[in-house]
PDB file of N, CA and C in Angstrom:
ATOM      1  N   MET A   1      39.691   3.223 -10.076  1.00  0.00           N
ATOM      2  CA  MET A   1      38.618   2.506 -10.744  1.00  0.00           C
ATOM      3  C   MET A   1      38.749   2.744 -12.246  1.00  0.00           C
ATOM      4  N   ASP A   2      38.459   1.740 -12.992  1.00  0.00           N
ATOM      5  CA  ASP A   2      38.501   1.818 -14.455  1.00  0.00           C
ATOM      6  C   ASP A   2      37.528   2.897 -14.937  1.00  0.00           C
ATOM      7  N   PRO A   3      37.980   3.807 -15.796  1.00  0.00           N
ATOM      8  CA  PRO A   3      37.122   4.887 -16.298  1.00  0.00           C
ATOM      9  C   PRO A   3      35.837   4.376 -16.968  1.00  0.00           C
ATOM     10  N   LYS A   4      35.898   3.234 -17.618  1.00  0.00           N
ATOM     11  CA  LYS A   4      34.700   2.671 -18.252  1.00  0.00           C
ATOM     12  C   LYS A   4      33.668   2.270 -17.192  1.00  0.00           C
ATOM     13  N   ILE A   5      34.166   1.701 -16.110  1.00  0.00           N
ATOM     14  CA  ILE A   5      33.270   1.292 -15.018  1.00  0.00           C
ATOM     15  C   ILE A   5      32.693   2.529 -14.336  1.00  0.00           C
ATOM     16  N   GLU A   6      33.530   3.556 -14.144  1.00  0.00           N
ATOM     17  CA  GLU A   6      33.035   4.800 -13.546  1.00  0.00           C
ATOM     18  C   GLU A   6      31.907   5.400 -14.382  1.00  0.00           C
ATOM     19  N   LYS A   7      32.118   5.444 -15.686  1.00  0.00           N
ATOM     20  CA  LYS A   7      31.108   6.015 -16.587  1.00  0.00           C
ATOM     21  C   LYS A   7      29.822   5.190 -16.541  1.00  0.00           C
ATOM     22  N   LYS A   8      29.977   3.882 -16.525  1.00  0.00           N
ATOM     23  CA  LYS A   8      28.817   2.996 -16.452  1.00  0.00           C
ATOM     24  C   LYS A   8      28.064   3.208 -15.135  1.00  0.00           C
ATOM     25  N   LEU A   9      28.799   3.337 -14.041  1.00  0.00           N
ATOM     26  CA  LEU A   9      28.200   3.554 -12.729  1.00  0.00           C
ATOM     27  C   LEU A   9      27.479   4.907 -12.681  1.00  0.00           C
ATOM     28  N   GLN A  10      28.107   5.943 -13.219  1.00  0.00           N
ATOM     29  CA  GLN A  10      27.473   7.257 -13.264  1.00  0.00           C
ATOM     30  C   GLN A  10      26.156   7.194 -14.036  1.00  0.00           C
ATOM     31  N   GLY A  11      26.170   6.510 -15.156  1.00  0.00           N
ATOM     32  CA  GLY A  11      24.952   6.373 -15.965  1.00  0.00           C
ATOM     33  C   GLY A  11      23.848   5.648 -15.209  1.00  0.00           C
ATOM     34  N   ALA A  12      24.229   4.585 -14.505  1.00  0.00           N
ATOM     35  CA  ALA A  12      23.249   3.818 -13.736  1.00  0.00           C
ATOM     36  C   ALA A  12      22.669   4.664 -12.610  1.00  0.00           C
ATOM     37  N   ILE A  13      23.521   5.428 -11.921  1.00  0.00           N
ATOM     38  CA  ILE A  13      23.057   6.282 -10.821  1.00  0.00           C
ATOM     39  C   ILE A  13      22.109   7.353 -11.345  1.00  0.00           C
ATOM     40  N   LYS A  14      22.439   7.976 -12.462  1.00  0.00           N
ATOM     41  CA  LYS A  14      21.566   8.991 -13.054  1.00  0.00           C
ATOM     42  C   LYS A  14      20.233   8.373 -13.481  1.00  0.00           C
ATOM     43  N   GLU A  15      20.282   7.186 -14.037  1.00  0.00           N
ATOM     44  CA  GLU A  15      19.053   6.504 -14.448  1.00  0.00           C
ATOM     45  C   GLU A  15      18.182   6.181 -13.233  1.00  0.00           C
ATOM     46  N   LEU A  16      18.811   5.717 -12.158  1.00  0.00           N
ATOM     47  CA  LEU A  16      18.067   5.451 -10.921  1.00  0.00           C
ATOM     48  C   LEU A  16      17.454   6.725 -10.361  1.00  0.00           C
ATOM     49  N   SER A  17      18.205   7.806 -10.379  1.00  0.00           N
ATOM     50  CA  SER A  17      17.701   9.084  -9.887  1.00  0.00           C
ATOM     51  C   SER A  17      16.474   9.522 -10.688  1.00  0.00           C
ATOM     52  N   ASP A  18      16.541   9.380 -11.998  1.00  0.00           N
ATOM     53  CA  ASP A  18      15.387   9.711 -12.846  1.00  0.00           C
ATOM     54  C   ASP A  18      14.183   8.839 -12.494  1.00  0.00           C
ATOM     55  N   SER A  19      14.437   7.575 -12.237  1.00  0.00           N
ATOM     56  CA  SER A  19      13.371   6.654 -11.849  1.00  0.00           C
ATOM     57  C   SER A  19      12.750   7.072 -10.519  1.00  0.00           C
ATOM     58  N   PHE A  20      13.593   7.433  -9.544  1.00  0.00           N
ATOM     59  CA  PHE A  20      13.094   7.897  -8.249  1.00  0.00           C
ATOM     60  C   PHE A  20      12.184   9.118  -8.425  1.00  0.00           C
ATOM     61  N   LEU A  21      12.573  10.028  -9.310  1.00  0.00           N
ATOM     62  CA  LEU A  21      11.777  11.220  -9.569  1.00  0.00           C
ATOM     63  C   LEU A  21      10.400  10.844 -10.122  1.00  0.00           C
ATOM     64  N   ARG A  22      10.377   9.901 -11.055  1.00  0.00           N
ATOM     65  CA  ARG A  22       9.091   9.461 -11.626  1.00  0.00           C
ATOM     66  C   ARG A  22       8.219   8.824 -10.550  1.00  0.00           C
ATOM     67  N   VAL A  23       8.819   8.013  -9.679  1.00  0.00           N
ATOM     68  CA  VAL A  23       8.072   7.368  -8.598  1.00  0.00           C
ATOM     69  C   VAL A  23       7.487   8.428  -7.665  1.00  0.00           C
ATOM     70  N   GLU A  24       8.293   9.425  -7.301  1.00  0.00           N
ATOM     71  CA  GLU A  24       7.811  10.505  -6.436  1.00  0.00           C
ATOM     72  C   GLU A  24       6.633  11.230  -7.071  1.00  0.00           C
ATOM     73  N   SER A  25       6.737  11.483  -8.364  1.00  0.00           N
ATOM     74  CA  SER A  25       5.662  12.168  -9.076  1.00  0.00           C
ATOM     75  C   SER A  25       4.392  11.329  -9.073  1.00  0.00           C
ATOM     76  N   GLU A  26       4.525  10.043  -9.298  1.00  0.00           N
ATOM     77  CA  GLU A  26       3.358   9.155  -9.292  1.00  0.00           C
ATOM     78  C   GLU A  26       2.733   9.096  -7.900  1.00  0.00           C
ATOM     79  N   ARG A  27       3.553   9.060  -6.861  1.00  0.00           N
ATOM     80  CA  ARG A  27       3.024   9.049  -5.487  1.00  0.00           C
ATOM     81  C   ARG A  27       2.232  10.327  -5.217  1.00  0.00           C
ATOM     82  N   ASP A  28       2.768  11.461  -5.648  1.00  0.00           N
ATOM     83  CA  ASP A  28       2.059  12.726  -5.461  1.00  0.00           C
ATOM     84  C   ASP A  28       0.717  12.693  -6.187  1.00  0.00           C
ATOM     85  N   LEU A  29       0.714  12.168  -7.399  1.00  0.00           N
ATOM     86  CA  LEU A  29      -0.529  12.056  -8.167  1.00  0.00           C
ATOM     87  C   LEU A  29      -1.522  11.150  -7.442  1.00  0.00           C
ATOM     88  N   GLN A  30      -1.049  10.011  -6.936  1.00  0.00           N
ATOM     89  CA  GLN A  30      -1.924   9.086  -6.211  1.00  0.00           C
ATOM     90  C   GLN A  30      -2.533   9.756  -4.989  1.00  0.00           C
ATOM     91  N   LYS A  31      -1.716  10.484  -4.225  1.00  0.00           N
ATOM     92  CA  LYS A  31      -2.217  11.187  -3.039  1.00  0.00           C
ATOM     93  C   LYS A  31      -3.283  12.208  -3.419  1.00  0.00           C
ATOM     94  N   GLU A  32      -3.045  12.911  -4.504  1.00  0.00           N
ATOM     95  CA  GLU A  32      -3.993  13.923  -4.968  1.00  0.00           C
ATOM     96  C   GLU A  32      -5.318  13.281  -5.390  1.00  0.00           C
ATOM     97  N   ILE A  33      -5.245  12.195  -6.137  1.00  0.00           N
ATOM     98  CA  ILE A  33      -6.459  11.497  -6.577  1.00  0.00           C
ATOM     99  C   ILE A  33      -7.237  11.008  -5.359  1.00  0.00           C
ATOM    100  N   ILE A  34      -6.535  10.392  -4.416  1.00  0.00           N
ATOM    101  CA  ILE A  34      -7.181   9.859  -3.212  1.00  0.00           C
ATOM    102  C   ILE A  34      -7.827  10.988  -2.412  1.00  0.00           C
ATOM    103  N   ALA A  35      -7.115  12.087  -2.219  1.00  0.00           N
ATOM    104  CA  ALA A  35      -7.655  13.210  -1.451  1.00  0.00           C
ATOM    105  C   ALA A  35      -8.902  13.785  -2.123  1.00  0.00           C
ATOM    106  N   ASN A  36      -8.841  13.957  -3.428  1.00  0.00           N
ATOM    107  CA  ASN A  36      -9.970  14.542  -4.156  1.00  0.00           C
ATOM    108  C   ASN A  36     -11.207  13.652  -4.086  1.00  0.00           C
ATOM    109  N   ILE A  37     -11.047  12.372  -4.346  1.00  0.00           N
ATOM    110  CA  ILE A  37     -12.217  11.486  -4.366  1.00  0.00           C
ATOM    111  C   ILE A  37     -12.736  11.249  -2.950  1.00  0.00           C
ATOM    112  N   SER A  38     -11.844  11.270  -1.968  1.00  0.00           N
ATOM    113  CA  SER A  38     -12.258  11.133  -0.578  1.00  0.00           C
ATOM    114  C   SER A  38     -13.130  12.317  -0.164  1.00  0.00           C
ATOM    115  N   GLU A  39     -12.693  13.504  -0.523  1.00  0.00           N
ATOM    116  CA  GLU A  39     -13.462  14.710  -0.196  1.00  0.00           C
ATOM    117  C   GLU A  39     -14.810  14.699  -0.918  1.00  0.00           C
ATOM    118  N   GLU A  40     -14.794  14.302  -2.175  1.00  0.00           N
ATOM    119  CA  GLU A  40     -16.015  14.311  -2.986  1.00  0.00           C
ATOM    120  C   GLU A  40     -17.028  13.262  -2.513  1.00  0.00           C
ATOM    121  N   THR A  41     -16.539  12.099  -2.106  1.00  0.00           N
ATOM    122  CA  THR A  41     -17.442  10.994  -1.753  1.00  0.00           C
ATOM    123  C   THR A  41     -17.626  10.810  -0.259  1.00  0.00           C
ATOM    124  N   GLU A  42     -16.782  11.487   0.544  1.00  0.00           N
ATOM    125  CA  GLU A  42     -16.790  11.338   2.000  1.00  0.00           C
ATOM    126  C   GLU A  42     -16.449   9.908   2.435  1.00  0.00           C
ATOM    127  N   ILE A  43     -15.693   9.202   1.592  1.00  0.00           N
ATOM    128  CA  ILE A  43     -15.162   7.872   1.929  1.00  0.00           C
ATOM    129  C   ILE A  43     -13.748   8.096   2.442  1.00  0.00           C
ATOM    130  N   GLU A  44     -13.412   7.414   3.543  1.00  0.00           N
ATOM    131  CA  GLU A  44     -12.085   7.604   4.127  1.00  0.00           C
ATOM    132  C   GLU A  44     -10.989   7.250   3.120  1.00  0.00           C
ATOM    133  N   LYS A  45      -9.904   8.006   3.193  1.00  0.00           N
ATOM    134  CA  LYS A  45      -8.772   7.799   2.290  1.00  0.00           C
ATOM    135  C   LYS A  45      -8.234   6.372   2.379  1.00  0.00           C
ATOM    136  N   LYS A  46      -8.179   5.833   3.608  1.00  0.00           N
ATOM    137  CA  LYS A  46      -7.615   4.489   3.776  1.00  0.00           C
ATOM    138  C   LYS A  46      -8.447   3.446   3.021  1.00  0.00           C
ATOM    139  N   HIS A  47      -9.753   3.650   2.946  1.00  0.00           N
ATOM    140  CA  HIS A  47     -10.601   2.698   2.225  1.00  0.00           C
ATOM    141  C   HIS A  47     -10.412   2.821   0.708  1.00  0.00           C
ATOM    142  N   ILE A  48     -10.291   4.040   0.235  1.00  0.00           N
ATOM    143  CA  ILE A  48     -10.053   4.247  -1.199  1.00  0.00           C
ATOM    144  C   ILE A  48      -8.715   3.652  -1.596  1.00  0.00           C
ATOM    145  N   ARG A  49      -7.698   3.914  -0.777  1.00  0.00           N
ATOM    146  CA  ARG A  49      -6.358   3.379  -1.052  1.00  0.00           C
ATOM    147  C   ARG A  49      -6.382   1.853  -1.084  1.00  0.00           C
ATOM    148  N   LYS A  50      -7.075   1.252  -0.108  1.00  0.00           N
ATOM    149  CA  LYS A  50      -7.125  -0.212  -0.048  1.00  0.00           C
ATOM    150  C   LYS A  50      -7.886  -0.777  -1.239  1.00  0.00           C
ATOM    151  N   MET A  51      -9.009  -0.149  -1.596  1.00  0.00           N
ATOM    152  CA  MET A  51      -9.754  -0.623  -2.769  1.00  0.00           C
ATOM    153  C   MET A  51      -8.891  -0.560  -4.025  1.00  0.00           C
ATOM    154  N   ALA A  52      -8.132   0.508  -4.161  1.00  0.00           N
ATOM    155  CA  ALA A  52      -7.269   0.652  -5.337  1.00  0.00           C
ATOM    156  C   ALA A  52      -6.190  -0.421  -5.367  1.00  0.00           C
ATOM    157  N   ARG A  53      -5.608  -0.719  -4.200  1.00  0.00           N
ATOM    158  CA  ARG A  53      -4.569  -1.761  -4.139  1.00  0.00           C
ATOM    159  C   ARG A  53      -5.146  -3.137  -4.471  1.00  0.00           C
ATOM    160  N   VAL A  54      -6.289  -3.431  -3.889  1.00  0.00           N
ATOM    161  CA  VAL A  54      -6.925  -4.730  -4.142  1.00  0.00           C
ATOM    162  C   VAL A  54      -7.295  -4.836  -5.618  1.00  0.00           C
ATOM    163  N   TYR A  55      -7.845  -3.760  -6.169  1.00  0.00           N
ATOM    164  CA  TYR A  55      -8.199  -3.763  -7.591  1.00  0.00           C
ATOM    165  C   TYR A  55      -6.951  -3.962  -8.453  1.00  0.00           C
ATOM    166  N   HIS A  56      -5.883  -3.267  -8.099  1.00  0.00           N
ATOM    167  CA  HIS A  56      -4.637  -3.371  -8.869  1.00  0.00           C
ATOM    168  C   HIS A  56      -4.057  -4.784  -8.812  1.00  0.00           C
ATOM    169  N   LYS A  57      -4.049  -5.367  -7.617  1.00  0.00           N
ATOM    170  CA  LYS A  57      -3.469  -6.705  -7.449  1.00  0.00           C
ATOM    171  C   LYS A  57      -4.442  -7.818  -7.811  1.00  0.00           C
ATOM    172  N   GLN A  58      -5.721  -7.442  -7.990  1.00  0.00           N
ATOM    173  CA  GLN A  58      -6.765  -8.426  -8.311  1.00  0.00           C
ATOM    174  C   GLN A  58      -6.754  -9.562  -7.288  1.00  0.00           C
ATOM    175  N   ASN A  59      -6.744  -9.194  -5.994  1.00  0.00           N
ATOM    176  CA  ASN A  59      -6.680 -10.206  -4.940  1.00  0.00           C
ATOM    177  C   ASN A  59      -7.807 -10.044  -3.908  1.00  0.00           C
ATOM    178  N   TYR A  60      -8.995  -9.758  -4.387  1.00  0.00           N
ATOM    179  CA  TYR A  60     -10.131  -9.541  -3.498  1.00  0.00           C
ATOM    180  C   TYR A  60     -10.397 -10.768  -2.626  1.00  0.00           C
ATOM    181  N   GLN A  61     -10.398 -11.949  -3.222  1.00  0.00           N
ATOM    182  CA  GLN A  61     -10.669 -13.177  -2.460  1.00  0.00           C
ATOM    183  C   GLN A  61      -9.638 -13.361  -1.353  1.00  0.00           C
ATOM    184  N   GLU A  62      -8.382 -13.144  -1.661  1.00  0.00           N
ATOM    185  CA  GLU A  62      -7.309 -13.285  -0.676  1.00  0.00           C
ATOM    186  C   GLU A  62      -7.485 -12.277   0.463  1.00  0.00           C
ATOM    187  N   GLU A  63      -7.820 -11.037   0.132  1.00  0.00           N
ATOM    188  CA  GLU A  63      -8.040 -10.006   1.148  1.00  0.00           C
ATOM    189  C   GLU A  63      -9.231 -10.361   2.032  1.00  0.00           C
ATOM    190  N   THR A  64     -10.294 -10.848   1.415  1.00  0.00           N
ATOM    191  CA  THR A  64     -11.486 -11.224   2.169  1.00  0.00           C
ATOM    192  C   THR A  64     -11.177 -12.363   3.127  1.00  0.00           C
ATOM    193  N   GLN A  65     -10.478 -13.359   2.641  1.00  0.00           N
ATOM    194  CA  GLN A  65     -10.118 -14.505   3.480  1.00  0.00           C
ATOM    195  C   GLN A  65      -9.217 -14.067   4.634  1.00  0.00           C
ATOM    196  N   SER A  66      -8.263 -13.234   4.347  1.00  0.00           N
ATOM    197  CA  SER A  66      -7.348 -12.755   5.377  1.00  0.00           C
ATOM    198  C   SER A  66      -8.115 -11.970   6.450  1.00  0.00           C
ATOM    199  N   HIS A  67      -9.053 -11.146   6.013  1.00  0.00           N
ATOM    200  CA  HIS A  67      -9.853 -10.368   6.963  1.00  0.00           C
ATOM    201  C   HIS A  67     -10.708 -11.286   7.835  1.00  0.00           C
ATOM    202  N   GLU A  68     -11.302 -12.296   7.227  1.00  0.00           N
ATOM    203  CA  GLU A  68     -12.122 -13.245   7.990  1.00  0.00           C
ATOM    204  C   GLU A  68     -11.279 -13.996   9.015  1.00  0.00           C
ATOM    205  N   GLU A  69     -10.086 -14.402   8.627  1.00  0.00           N
ATOM    206  CA  GLU A  69      -9.189 -15.099   9.554  1.00  0.00           C
ATOM    207  C   GLU A  69      -8.807 -14.182  10.710  1.00  0.00           C
ATOM    208  N   PHE A  70      -8.484 -12.950  10.402  1.00  0.00           N
ATOM    209  CA  PHE A  70      -8.123 -11.986  11.442  1.00  0.00           C
ATOM    210  C   PHE A  70      -9.293 -11.752  12.389  1.00  0.00           C
ATOM    211  N   THR A  71     -10.483 -11.535  11.823  1.00  0.00           N
ATOM    212  CA  THR A  71     -11.664 -11.275  12.633  1.00  0.00           C
ATOM    213  C   THR A  71     -11.946 -12.444  13.568  1.00  0.00           C
ATOM    214  N   GLY A  72     -11.885 -13.646  13.048  1.00  0.00           N
ATOM    215  CA  GLY A  72     -12.125 -14.825  13.870  1.00  0.00           C
ATOM    216  C   GLY A  72     -11.116 -14.958  14.993  1.00  0.00           C
ATOM    217  N   LEU A  73      -9.864 -14.760  14.687  1.00  0.00           N
ATOM    218  CA  LEU A  73      -8.810 -14.859  15.685  1.00  0.00           C
ATOM    219  C   LEU A  73      -8.960 -13.770  16.740  1.00  0.00           C
ATOM    220  N   TYR A  74      -9.224 -12.550  16.310  1.00  0.00           N
ATOM    221  CA  TYR A  74      -9.388 -11.437  17.254  1.00  0.00           C
ATOM    222  C   TYR A  74     -10.559 -11.713  18.191  1.00  0.00           C
ATOM    223  N   GLU A  75     -11.674 -12.151  17.626  1.00  0.00           N
ATOM    224  CA  GLU A  75     -12.846 -12.451  18.450  1.00  0.00           C
ATOM    225  C   GLU A  75     -12.553 -13.589  19.425  1.00  0.00           C
ATOM    226  N   GLN A  76     -11.845 -14.598  18.968  1.00  0.00           N
ATOM    227  CA  GLN A  76     -11.499 -15.736  19.818  1.00  0.00           C
ATOM    228  C   GLN A  76     -10.645 -15.300  20.999  1.00  0.00           C
ATOM    229  N   ILE A  77      -9.712 -14.386  20.768  1.00  0.00           N
ATOM    230  CA  ILE A  77      -8.777 -13.971  21.799  1.00  0.00           C
ATOM    231  C   ILE A  77      -9.365 -12.888  22.713  1.00  0.00           C
ATOM    232  N   PHE A  78     -10.052 -11.915  22.139  1.00  0.00           N
ATOM    233  CA  PHE A  78     -10.423 -10.738  22.922  1.00  0.00           C
ATOM    234  C   PHE A  78     -11.916 -10.548  23.167  1.00  0.00           C
ATOM    235  N   MET A  79     -12.770 -11.293  22.510  1.00  0.00           N
ATOM    236  CA  MET A  79     -14.199 -11.046  22.637  1.00  0.00           C
ATOM    237  C   MET A  79     -14.898 -12.091  23.504  1.00  0.00           C
ATOM    238  N   LYS A  80     -14.141 -12.790  24.326  1.00  0.00           N
ATOM    239  CA  LYS A  80     -14.722 -13.779  25.228  1.00  0.00           C
ATOM    240  C   LYS A  80     -15.499 -13.062  26.324  1.00  0.00           C
ATOM    241  N   SER A  81     -16.452 -13.737  26.890  1.00  0.00           N
ATOM    242  CA  SER A  81     -17.182 -13.124  27.996  1.00  0.00           C
ATOM    243  C   SER A  81     -16.302 -13.147  29.250  1.00  0.00           C
ATOM    244  N   GLU A  82     -16.673 -12.382  30.240  1.00  0.00           N
ATOM    245  CA  GLU A  82     -15.895 -12.289  31.483  1.00  0.00           C
ATOM    246  C   GLU A  82     -15.798 -13.646  32.175  1.00  0.00           C
ATOM    247  N   PHE A  83     -16.795 -14.510  32.003  1.00  0.00           N
ATOM    248  CA  PHE A  83     -16.841 -15.782  32.698  1.00  0.00           C
ATOM    249  C   PHE A  83     -15.854 -16.801  32.117  1.00  0.00           C
ATOM    250  N   ASP A  84     -15.390 -16.561  30.897  1.00  0.00           N
ATOM    251  CA  ASP A  84     -14.453 -17.477  30.256  1.00  0.00           C
ATOM    252  C   ASP A  84     -13.080 -17.445  30.923  1.00  0.00           C
ATOM    253  N   ASP A  85     -12.765 -16.371  31.631  1.00  0.00           N
ATOM    254  CA  ASP A  85     -11.460 -16.229  32.274  1.00  0.00           C
ATOM    255  C   ASP A  85     -11.316 -17.087  33.520  1.00  0.00           C
ATOM    256  N   GLU A  86     -12.416 -17.531  34.053  1.00  0.00           N
ATOM    257  CA  GLU A  86     -12.371 -18.278  35.330  1.00  0.00           C
ATOM    258  C   GLU A  86     -12.048 -19.731  35.118  1.00  0.00           C
TER     259      GLU A  86
END
C-alpha cells in the first residue's frame, strides 16, 4: 500500500477512535442525567429518555399521531369482546 494512503488511513482511524470515545462519554453522561432525575422525580427512566428524544427531534405531533395509530390498531386487533370471535 502506498505510504501516503497508509498515513491517511491511520489518521482517519485515530480520528474515528477519538470520536467513538466522545460518543461513549456523552452516553455515560446521558445515563447519569437520566438516572439522577428519575430518582429525584420518581419518573421512569424510559419516559424521561423518550421526552428528551422527542424534545431533541421536535417531533411531538408525529409521536402523538404514531401512538394514536398504534393504540387504535392494538384495540382493534386485541380488545374485541369474546362474542366478536364467533
